[in-house]
Amino acid sequence: ELLREARLGDRAVVVAGLPEKPGPLVRALTAARDVTVLLTDPRPYDPHWSPTDPLVLDAPGRRAGGAAAWRAALGTDADGFDLATAV
């Protein structure tokens, strides 16, 4: 149903945090070639999760002071915006 809704709305599927055994979910989602799927997880990708190799990117960890740097760059324009949850 999730993939159907993504197709109908021309949307992507984003899964943040995979289950303990992600293989079945990853295989089901990546079998749909007509839907963009983004998976994020702190664990490294395991090739056994899917018969096809996805594009795997490593995101750098958060740097100390990231929120302060954004607050300084945005100035007072960030009023009402919860910067801590975004950074």
PDB file of N, CA and C in Angstrom:
ATOM      1  N   GLU A   1       0.818  -1.186   0.000  1.00  0.00           N
ATOM      2  CA  GLU A   1       0.000   0.000   0.000  1.00  0.00           C
ATOM      3  C   GLU A   1       0.871   1.262   0.000  1.00  0.00           C
ATOM      4  N   LEU A   2       1.983   1.219   0.724  1.00  0.00           N
ATOM      5  CA  LEU A   2       2.890   2.364   0.785  1.00  0.00           C
ATOM      6  C   LEU A   2       3.449   2.691  -0.596  1.00  0.00           C
ATOM      7  N   LEU A   3       3.882   1.676  -1.316  1.00  0.00           N
ATOM      8  CA  LEU A   3       4.432   1.905  -2.652  1.00  0.00           C
ATOM      9  C   LEU A   3       3.355   2.414  -3.607  1.00  0.00           C
ATOM     10  N   ARG A   4       2.150   1.902  -3.485  1.00  0.00           N
ATOM     11  CA  ARG A   4       1.055   2.369  -4.342  1.00  0.00           C
ATOM     12  C   ARG A   4       0.785   3.853  -4.098  1.00  0.00           C
ATOM     13  N   GLU A   5       0.728   4.247  -2.845  1.00  0.00           N
ATOM     14  CA  GLU A   5       0.499   5.655  -2.516  1.00  0.00           C
ATOM     15  C   GLU A   5       1.629   6.535  -3.044  1.00  0.00           C
ATOM     16  N   ALA A   6       2.855   6.045  -2.947  1.00  0.00           N
ATOM     17  CA  ALA A   6       3.996   6.808  -3.469  1.00  0.00           C
ATOM     18  C   ALA A   6       3.874   6.979  -4.979  1.00  0.00           C
ATOM     19  N   ARG A   7       3.474   5.926  -5.664  1.00  0.00           N
ATOM     20  CA  ARG A   7       3.294   6.010  -7.120  1.00  0.00           C
ATOM     21  C   ARG A   7       2.191   7.007  -7.476  1.00  0.00           C
ATOM     22  N   LEU A   8       1.051   6.882  -6.813  1.00  0.00           N
ATOM     23  CA  LEU A   8      -0.092   7.740  -7.132  1.00  0.00           C
ATOM     24  C   LEU A   8       0.204   9.212  -6.872  1.00  0.00           C
ATOM     25  N   GLY A   9       0.973   9.492  -5.855  1.00  0.00           N
ATOM     26  CA  GLY A   9       1.293  10.875  -5.518  1.00  0.00           C
ATOM     27  C   GLY A   9       2.611  11.353  -6.079  1.00  0.00           C
ATOM     28  N   ASP A  10       3.277  10.509  -6.871  1.00  0.00           N
ATOM     29  CA  ASP A  10       4.603  10.833  -7.411  1.00  0.00           C
ATOM     30  C   ASP A  10       5.527  11.279  -6.281  1.00  0.00           C
ATOM     31  N   ARG A  11       5.576  10.456  -5.239  1.00  0.00           N
ATOM     32  CA  ARG A  11       6.353  10.749  -4.032  1.00  0.00           C
ATOM     33  C   ARG A  11       7.458   9.726  -3.834  1.00  0.00           C
ATOM     34  N   ALA A  12       8.368  10.052  -2.964  1.00  0.00           N
ATOM     35  CA  ALA A  12       9.427   9.128  -2.555  1.00  0.00           C
ATOM     36  C   ALA A  12       9.029   8.488  -1.230  1.00  0.00           C
ATOM     37  N   VAL A  13       9.647   7.361  -0.928  1.00  0.00           N
ATOM     38  CA  VAL A  13       9.461   6.686   0.358  1.00  0.00           C
ATOM     39  C   VAL A  13      10.739   6.890   1.154  1.00  0.00           C
ATOM     40  N   VAL A  14      10.611   7.397   2.375  1.00  0.00           N
ATOM     41  CA  VAL A  14      11.758   7.623   3.247  1.00  0.00           C
ATOM     42  C   VAL A  14      11.564   6.783   4.504  1.00  0.00           C
ATOM     43  N   VAL A  15      12.543   5.935   4.796  1.00  0.00           N
ATOM     44  CA  VAL A  15      12.502   5.102   5.997  1.00  0.00           C
ATOM     45  C   VAL A  15      13.716   5.469   6.841  1.00  0.00           C
ATOM     46  N   ALA A  16      13.474   6.030   8.005  1.00  0.00           N
ATOM     47  CA  ALA A  16      14.550   6.425   8.914  1.00  0.00           C
ATOM     48  C   ALA A  16      14.581   5.450  10.075  1.00  0.00           C
ATOM     49  N   GLY A  17      15.612   4.654  10.126  1.00  0.00           N
ATOM     50  CA  GLY A  17      15.738   3.634  11.160  1.00  0.00           C
ATOM     51  C   GLY A  17      15.134   2.328  10.690  1.00  0.00           C
ATOM     52  N   LEU A  18      15.965   1.386  10.358  1.00  0.00           N
ATOM     53  CA  LEU A  18      15.505   0.097   9.848  1.00  0.00           C
ATOM     54  C   LEU A  18      15.247  -0.877  10.989  1.00  0.00           C
ATOM     55  N   PRO A  19      14.389  -1.879  10.762  1.00  0.00           N
ATOM     56  CA  PRO A  19      14.154  -2.882  11.803  1.00  0.00           C
ATOM     57  C   PRO A  19      15.407  -3.712  12.065  1.00  0.00           C
ATOM     58  N   GLU A  20      15.373  -4.514  13.111  1.00  0.00           N
ATOM     59  CA  GLU A  20      16.533  -5.334  13.477  1.00  0.00           C
ATOM     60  C   GLU A  20      16.985  -6.227  12.318  1.00  0.00           C
ATOM     61  N   LYS A  21      16.043  -6.814  11.616  1.00  0.00           N
ATOM     62  CA  LYS A  21      16.347  -7.635  10.431  1.00  0.00           C
ATOM     63  C   LYS A  21      15.731  -6.939   9.218  1.00  0.00           C
ATOM     64  N   PRO A  22      16.482  -6.033   8.585  1.00  0.00           N
ATOM     65  CA  PRO A  22      15.906  -5.183   7.546  1.00  0.00           C
ATOM     66  C   PRO A  22      15.786  -5.822   6.167  1.00  0.00           C
ATOM     67  N   GLY A  23      16.354  -6.999   5.963  1.00  0.00           N
ATOM     68  CA  GLY A  23      16.372  -7.610   4.639  1.00  0.00           C
ATOM     69  C   GLY A  23      15.032  -7.652   3.934  1.00  0.00           C
ATOM     70  N   PRO A  24      13.977  -8.213   4.539  1.00  0.00           N
ATOM     71  CA  PRO A  24      12.689  -8.279   3.839  1.00  0.00           C
ATOM     72  C   PRO A  24      12.130  -6.900   3.462  1.00  0.00           C
ATOM     73  N   LEU A  25      12.245  -5.939   4.349  1.00  0.00           N
ATOM     74  CA  LEU A  25      11.755  -4.594   4.052  1.00  0.00           C
ATOM     75  C   LEU A  25      12.563  -3.957   2.924  1.00  0.00           C
ATOM     76  N   VAL A  26      13.877  -4.061   3.000  1.00  0.00           N
ATOM     77  CA  VAL A  26      14.738  -3.470   1.967  1.00  0.00           C
ATOM     78  C   VAL A  26      14.453  -4.112   0.618  1.00  0.00           C
ATOM     79  N   ARG A  27      14.330  -5.429   0.574  1.00  0.00           N
ATOM     80  CA  ARG A  27      14.040  -6.117  -0.691  1.00  0.00           C
ATOM     81  C   ARG A  27      12.692  -5.684  -1.259  1.00  0.00           C
ATOM     82  N   ALA A  28      11.678  -5.588  -0.412  1.00  0.00           N
ATOM     83  CA  ALA A  28      10.344  -5.193  -0.886  1.00  0.00           C
ATOM     84  C   ALA A  28      10.344  -3.771  -1.441  1.00  0.00           C
ATOM     85  N   LEU A  29      11.002  -2.863  -0.751  1.00  0.00           N
ATOM     86  CA  LEU A  29      11.003  -1.472  -1.198  1.00  0.00           C
ATOM     87  C   LEU A  29      11.874  -1.257  -2.430  1.00  0.00           C
ATOM     88  N   THR A  30      13.009  -1.913  -2.492  1.00  0.00           N
ATOM     89  CA  THR A  30      13.909  -1.695  -3.629  1.00  0.00           C
ATOM     90  C   THR A  30      13.495  -2.479  -4.865  1.00  0.00           C
ATOM     91  N   ALA A  31      12.552  -3.399  -4.727  1.00  0.00           N
ATOM     92  CA  ALA A  31      12.050  -4.123  -5.898  1.00  0.00           C
ATOM     93  C   ALA A  31      11.214  -3.206  -6.783  1.00  0.00           C
ATOM     94  N   ALA A  32      10.682  -2.154  -6.224  1.00  0.00           N
ATOM     95  CA  ALA A  32       9.876  -1.195  -6.981  1.00  0.00           C
ATOM     96  C   ALA A  32      10.811  -0.214  -7.677  1.00  0.00           C
ATOM     97  N   ARG A  33      11.035  -0.414  -8.937  1.00  0.00           N
ATOM     98  CA  ARG A  33      11.976   0.426  -9.692  1.00  0.00           C
ATOM     99  C   ARG A  33      11.409   1.802 -10.027  1.00  0.00           C
ATOM    100  N   ASP A  34      10.099   1.961  -9.887  1.00  0.00           N
ATOM    101  CA  ASP A  34       9.469   3.223 -10.272  1.00  0.00           C
ATOM    102  C   ASP A  34       9.210   4.158  -9.090  1.00  0.00           C
ATOM    103  N   VAL A  35       9.738   3.808  -7.916  1.00  0.00           N
ATOM    104  CA  VAL A  35       9.570   4.637  -6.724  1.00  0.00           C
ATOM    105  C   VAL A  35      10.946   4.911  -6.123  1.00  0.00           C
ATOM    106  N   THR A  36      11.222   6.165  -5.840  1.00  0.00           N
ATOM    107  CA  THR A  36      12.471   6.517  -5.172  1.00  0.00           C
ATOM    108  C   THR A  36      12.362   6.145  -3.700  1.00  0.00           C
ATOM    109  N   VAL A  37      13.365   5.421  -3.207  1.00  0.00           N
ATOM    110  CA  VAL A  37      13.374   4.974  -1.814  1.00  0.00           C
ATOM    111  C   VAL A  37      14.663   5.451  -1.162  1.00  0.00           C
ATOM    112  N   LEU A  38      14.538   6.088  -0.011  1.00  0.00           N
ATOM    113  CA  LEU A  38      15.686   6.533   0.772  1.00  0.00           C
ATOM    114  C   LEU A  38      15.628   5.830   2.119  1.00  0.00           C
ATOM    115  N   LEU A  39      16.678   5.096   2.440  1.00  0.00           N
ATOM    116  CA  LEU A  39      16.770   4.379   3.709  1.00  0.00           C
ATOM    117  C   LEU A  39      17.909   4.969   4.521  1.00  0.00           C
ATOM    118  N   THR A  40      17.666   5.229   5.792  1.00  0.00           N
ATOM    119  CA  THR A  40      18.727   5.710   6.670  1.00  0.00           C
ATOM    120  C   THR A  40      18.790   4.824   7.901  1.00  0.00           C
ATOM    121  N   ASP A  41      19.993   4.583   8.348  1.00  0.00           N
ATOM    122  CA  ASP A  41      20.198   3.754   9.528  1.00  0.00           C
ATOM    123  C   ASP A  41      21.624   3.976  10.007  1.00  0.00           C
ATOM    124  N   PRO A  42      21.868   3.910  11.298  1.00  0.00           N
ATOM    125  CA  PRO A  42      23.241   4.080  11.776  1.00  0.00           C
ATOM    126  C   PRO A  42      24.149   2.906  11.421  1.00  0.00           C
ATOM    127  N   ARG A  43      23.564   1.757  11.116  1.00  0.00           N
ATOM    128  CA  ARG A  43      24.383   0.595  10.742  1.00  0.00           C
ATOM    129  C   ARG A  43      24.831   0.704   9.290  1.00  0.00           C
ATOM    130  N   PRO A  44      25.981   0.152   8.963  1.00  0.00           N
ATOM    131  CA  PRO A  44      26.402   0.144   7.559  1.00  0.00           C
ATOM    132  C   PRO A  44      25.526  -0.808   6.745  1.00  0.00           C
ATOM    133  N   TYR A  45      25.420  -0.545   5.459  1.00  0.00           N
ATOM    134  CA  TYR A  45      24.626  -1.387   4.567  1.00  0.00           C
ATOM    135  C   TYR A  45      25.228  -2.789   4.496  1.00  0.00           C
ATOM    136  N   ASP A  46      24.368  -3.782   4.499  1.00  0.00           N
ATOM    137  CA  ASP A  46      24.783  -5.181   4.375  1.00  0.00           C
ATOM    138  C   ASP A  46      24.314  -5.687   3.014  1.00  0.00           C
ATOM    139  N   PRO A  47      25.205  -6.164   2.145  1.00  0.00           N
ATOM    140  CA  PRO A  47      24.817  -6.630   0.813  1.00  0.00           C
ATOM    141  C   PRO A  47      23.797  -7.771   0.827  1.00  0.00           C
ATOM    142  N   HIS A  48      23.647  -8.444   1.947  1.00  0.00           N
ATOM    143  CA  HIS A  48      22.658  -9.521   2.032  1.00  0.00           C
ATOM    144  C   HIS A  48      21.225  -8.988   2.137  1.00  0.00           C
ATOM    145  N   TRP A  49      21.063  -7.704   2.362  1.00  0.00           N
ATOM    146  CA  TRP A  49      19.734  -7.127   2.507  1.00  0.00           C
ATOM    147  C   TRP A  49      18.975  -7.070   1.190  1.00  0.00           C
ATOM    148  N   SER A  50      19.674  -7.015   0.071  1.00  0.00           N
ATOM    149  CA  SER A  50      19.006  -6.843  -1.218  1.00  0.00           C
ATOM    150  C   SER A  50      19.829  -7.504  -2.322  1.00  0.00           C
ATOM    151  N   PRO A  51      19.165  -8.093  -3.328  1.00  0.00           N
ATOM    152  CA  PRO A  51      19.911  -8.710  -4.428  1.00  0.00           C
ATOM    153  C   PRO A  51      20.549  -7.685  -5.364  1.00  0.00           C
ATOM    154  N   THR A  52      20.104  -6.435  -5.299  1.00  0.00           N
ATOM    155  CA  THR A  52      20.706  -5.385  -6.121  1.00  0.00           C
ATOM    156  C   THR A  52      21.446  -4.411  -5.216  1.00  0.00           C
ATOM    157  N   ASP A  53      22.517  -3.863  -5.726  1.00  0.00           N
ATOM    158  CA  ASP A  53      23.316  -2.933  -4.932  1.00  0.00           C
ATOM    159  C   ASP A  53      22.772  -1.512  -5.075  1.00  0.00           C
ATOM    160  N   PRO A  54      22.410  -0.892  -3.963  1.00  0.00           N
ATOM    161  CA  PRO A  54      21.927   0.490  -4.011  1.00  0.00           C
ATOM    162  C   PRO A  54      23.094   1.469  -4.004  1.00  0.00           C
ATOM    163  N   LEU A  55      22.770   2.724  -4.169  1.00  0.00           N
ATOM    164  CA  LEU A  55      23.757   3.780  -3.975  1.00  0.00           C
ATOM    165  C   LEU A  55      23.888   3.978  -2.472  1.00  0.00           C
ATOM    166  N   VAL A  56      25.076   3.771  -1.947  1.00  0.00           N
ATOM    167  CA  VAL A  56      25.306   3.880  -0.506  1.00  0.00           C
ATOM    168  C   VAL A  56      26.178   5.104  -0.250  1.00  0.00           C
ATOM    169  N   LEU A  57      25.695   5.995   0.602  1.00  0.00           N
ATOM    170  CA  LEU A  57      26.436   7.200   0.964  1.00  0.00           C
ATOM    171  C   LEU A  57      26.599   7.254   2.468  1.00  0.00           C
ATOM    172  N   ASP A  58      27.766   7.645   2.917  1.00  0.00           N
ATOM    173  CA  ASP A  58      28.013   7.843   4.341  1.00  0.00           C
ATOM    174  C   ASP A  58      27.882   9.326   4.646  1.00  0.00           C
ATOM    175  N   ALA A  59      27.032   9.645   5.589  1.00  0.00           N
ATOM    176  CA  ALA A  59      26.858  11.039   6.000  1.00  0.00           C
ATOM    177  C   ALA A  59      27.801  11.323   7.159  1.00  0.00           C
ATOM    178  N   PRO A  60      28.460  12.463   7.128  1.00  0.00           N
ATOM    179  CA  PRO A  60      29.361  12.789   8.240  1.00  0.00           C
ATOM    180  C   PRO A  60      28.570  12.994   9.524  1.00  0.00           C
ATOM    181  N   GLY A  61      29.219  12.747  10.623  1.00  0.00           N
ATOM    182  CA  GLY A  61      28.584  12.976  11.923  1.00  0.00           C
ATOM    183  C   GLY A  61      28.396  14.456  12.179  1.00  0.00           C
ATOM    184  N   ARG A  62      27.594  14.749  13.149  1.00  0.00           N
ATOM    185  CA  ARG A  62      27.362  16.152  13.506  1.00  0.00           C
ATOM    186  C   ARG A  62      28.614  16.748  14.132  1.00  0.00           C
ATOM    187  N   ARG A  63      28.908  17.953  13.712  1.00  0.00           N
ATOM    188  CA  ARG A  63      30.040  18.661  14.306  1.00  0.00           C
ATOM    189  C   ARG A  63      29.564  19.419  15.529  1.00  0.00           C
ATOM    190  N   ALA A  64      30.442  19.553  16.474  1.00  0.00           N
ATOM    191  CA  ALA A  64      30.122  20.356  17.660  1.00  0.00           C
ATOM    192  C   ALA A  64      29.918  21.802  17.225  1.00  0.00           C
ATOM    193  N   GLY A  65      28.922  22.438  17.761  1.00  0.00           N
ATOM    194  CA  GLY A  65      28.672  23.840  17.436  1.00  0.00           C
ATOM    195  C   GLY A  65      27.841  24.052  16.190  1.00  0.00           C
ATOM    196  N   GLY A  66      27.285  22.992  15.632  1.00  0.00           N
ATOM    197  CA  GLY A  66      26.496  23.127  14.409  1.00  0.00           C
ATOM    198  C   GLY A  66      25.290  24.031  14.577  1.00  0.00           C
ATOM    199  N   ALA A  67      24.560  23.853  15.676  1.00  0.00           N
ATOM    200  CA  ALA A  67      23.376  24.684  15.917  1.00  0.00           C
ATOM    201  C   ALA A  67      23.771  26.147  16.098  1.00  0.00           C
ATOM    202  N   ALA A  68      24.869  26.387  16.787  1.00  0.00           N
ATOM    203  CA  ALA A  68      25.323  27.769  17.000  1.00  0.00           C
ATOM    204  C   ALA A  68      25.701  28.423  15.674  1.00  0.00           C
ATOM    205  N   ALA A  69      26.338  27.671  14.789  1.00  0.00           N
ATOM    206  CA  ALA A  69      26.724  28.221  13.489  1.00  0.00           C
ATOM    207  C   ALA A  69      25.487  28.584  12.665  1.00  0.00           C
ATOM    208  N   TRP A  70      24.478  27.715  12.669  1.00  0.00           N
ATOM    209  CA  TRP A  70      23.242  28.013  11.944  1.00  0.00           C
ATOM    210  C   TRP A  70      22.511  29.198  12.567  1.00  0.00           C
ATOM    211  N   ARG A  71      22.489  29.264  13.883  1.00  0.00           N
ATOM    212  CA  ARG A  71      21.818  30.369  14.567  1.00  0.00           C
ATOM    213  C   ARG A  71      22.482  31.693  14.188  1.00  0.00           C
ATOM    214  N   ALA A  72      23.809  31.698  14.133  1.00  0.00           N
ATOM    215  CA  ALA A  72      24.536  32.911  13.758  1.00  0.00           C
ATOM    216  C   ALA A  72      24.255  33.282  12.301  1.00  0.00           C
ATOM    217  N   ALA A  73      24.168  32.280  11.428  1.00  0.00           N
ATOM    218  CA  ALA A  73      23.928  32.546  10.010  1.00  0.00           C
ATOM    219  C   ALA A  73      22.507  33.032   9.752  1.00  0.00           C
ATOM    220  N   LEU A  74      21.530  32.487  10.483  1.00  0.00           N
ATOM    221  CA  LEU A  74      20.133  32.865  10.275  1.00  0.00           C
ATOM    222  C   LEU A  74      19.754  34.148  10.990  1.00  0.00           C
ATOM    223  N   GLY A  75      20.432  34.430  12.080  1.00  0.00           N
ATOM    224  CA  GLY A  75      20.114  35.631  12.845  1.00  0.00           C
ATOM    225  C   GLY A  75      18.704  35.586  13.394  1.00  0.00           C
ATOM    226  N   THR A  76      18.041  36.720  13.398  1.00  0.00           N
ATOM    227  CA  THR A  76      16.694  36.795  13.964  1.00  0.00           C
ATOM    228  C   THR A  76      15.640  36.195  13.042  1.00  0.00           C
ATOM    229  N   ASP A  77      16.014  35.853  11.812  1.00  0.00           N
ATOM    230  CA  ASP A  77      15.053  35.244  10.887  1.00  0.00           C
ATOM    231  C   ASP A  77      14.613  33.864  11.351  1.00  0.00           C
ATOM    232  N   ALA A  78      15.290  33.304  12.332  1.00  0.00           N
ATOM    233  CA  ALA A  78      14.961  31.964  12.813  1.00  0.00           C
ATOM    234  C   ALA A  78      13.935  31.984  13.940  1.00  0.00           C
ATOM    235  N   ASP A  79      13.374  33.144  14.239  1.00  0.00           N
ATOM    236  CA  ASP A  79      12.378  33.234  15.312  1.00  0.00           C
ATOM    237  C   ASP A  79      11.218  32.285  15.032  1.00  0.00           C
ATOM    238  N   GLY A  80      10.841  31.498  16.031  1.00  0.00           N
ATOM    239  CA  GLY A  80       9.741  30.555  15.893  1.00  0.00           C
ATOM    240  C   GLY A  80      10.124  29.244  15.237  1.00  0.00           C
ATOM    241  N   PHE A  81      11.352  29.126  14.773  1.00  0.00           N
ATOM    242  CA  PHE A  81      11.827  27.903  14.124  1.00  0.00           C
ATOM    243  C   PHE A  81      12.655  27.121  15.127  1.00  0.00           C
ATOM    244  N   ASP A  82      12.335  25.854  15.312  1.00  0.00           N
ATOM    245  CA  ASP A  82      13.056  25.019  16.274  1.00  0.00           C
ATOM    246  C   ASP A  82      14.339  24.504  15.628  1.00  0.00           C
ATOM    247  N   LEU A  83      15.366  25.301  15.710  1.00  0.00           N
ATOM    248  CA  LEU A  83      16.634  24.989  15.064  1.00  0.00           C
ATOM    249  C   LEU A  83      17.287  23.746  15.643  1.00  0.00           C
ATOM    250  N   ALA A  84      17.142  23.510  16.930  1.00  0.00           N
ATOM    251  CA  ALA A  84      17.793  22.366  17.578  1.00  0.00           C
ATOM    252  C   ALA A  84      17.320  21.041  17.000  1.00  0.00           C
ATOM    253  N   THR A  85      16.062  20.939  16.598  1.00  0.00           N
ATOM    254  CA  THR A  85      15.577  19.679  16.029  1.00  0.00           C
ATOM    255  C   THR A  85      15.995  19.512  14.580  1.00  0.00           C
ATOM    256  N   ALA A  86      16.322  20.596  13.906  1.00  0.00           N
ATOM    257  CA  ALA A  86      16.704  20.521  12.500  1.00  0.00           C
ATOM    258  C   ALA A  86      18.194  20.287  12.302  1.00  0.00           C
ATOM    259  N   VAL A  87      18.995  20.664  13.270  1.00  0.00           N
ATOM    260  CA  VAL A  87      20.450  20.556  13.114  1.00  0.00           C
ATOM    261  C   VAL A  87      20.960  19.384  13.907  1.00  0.00           C
TER     262      VAL A  87
END
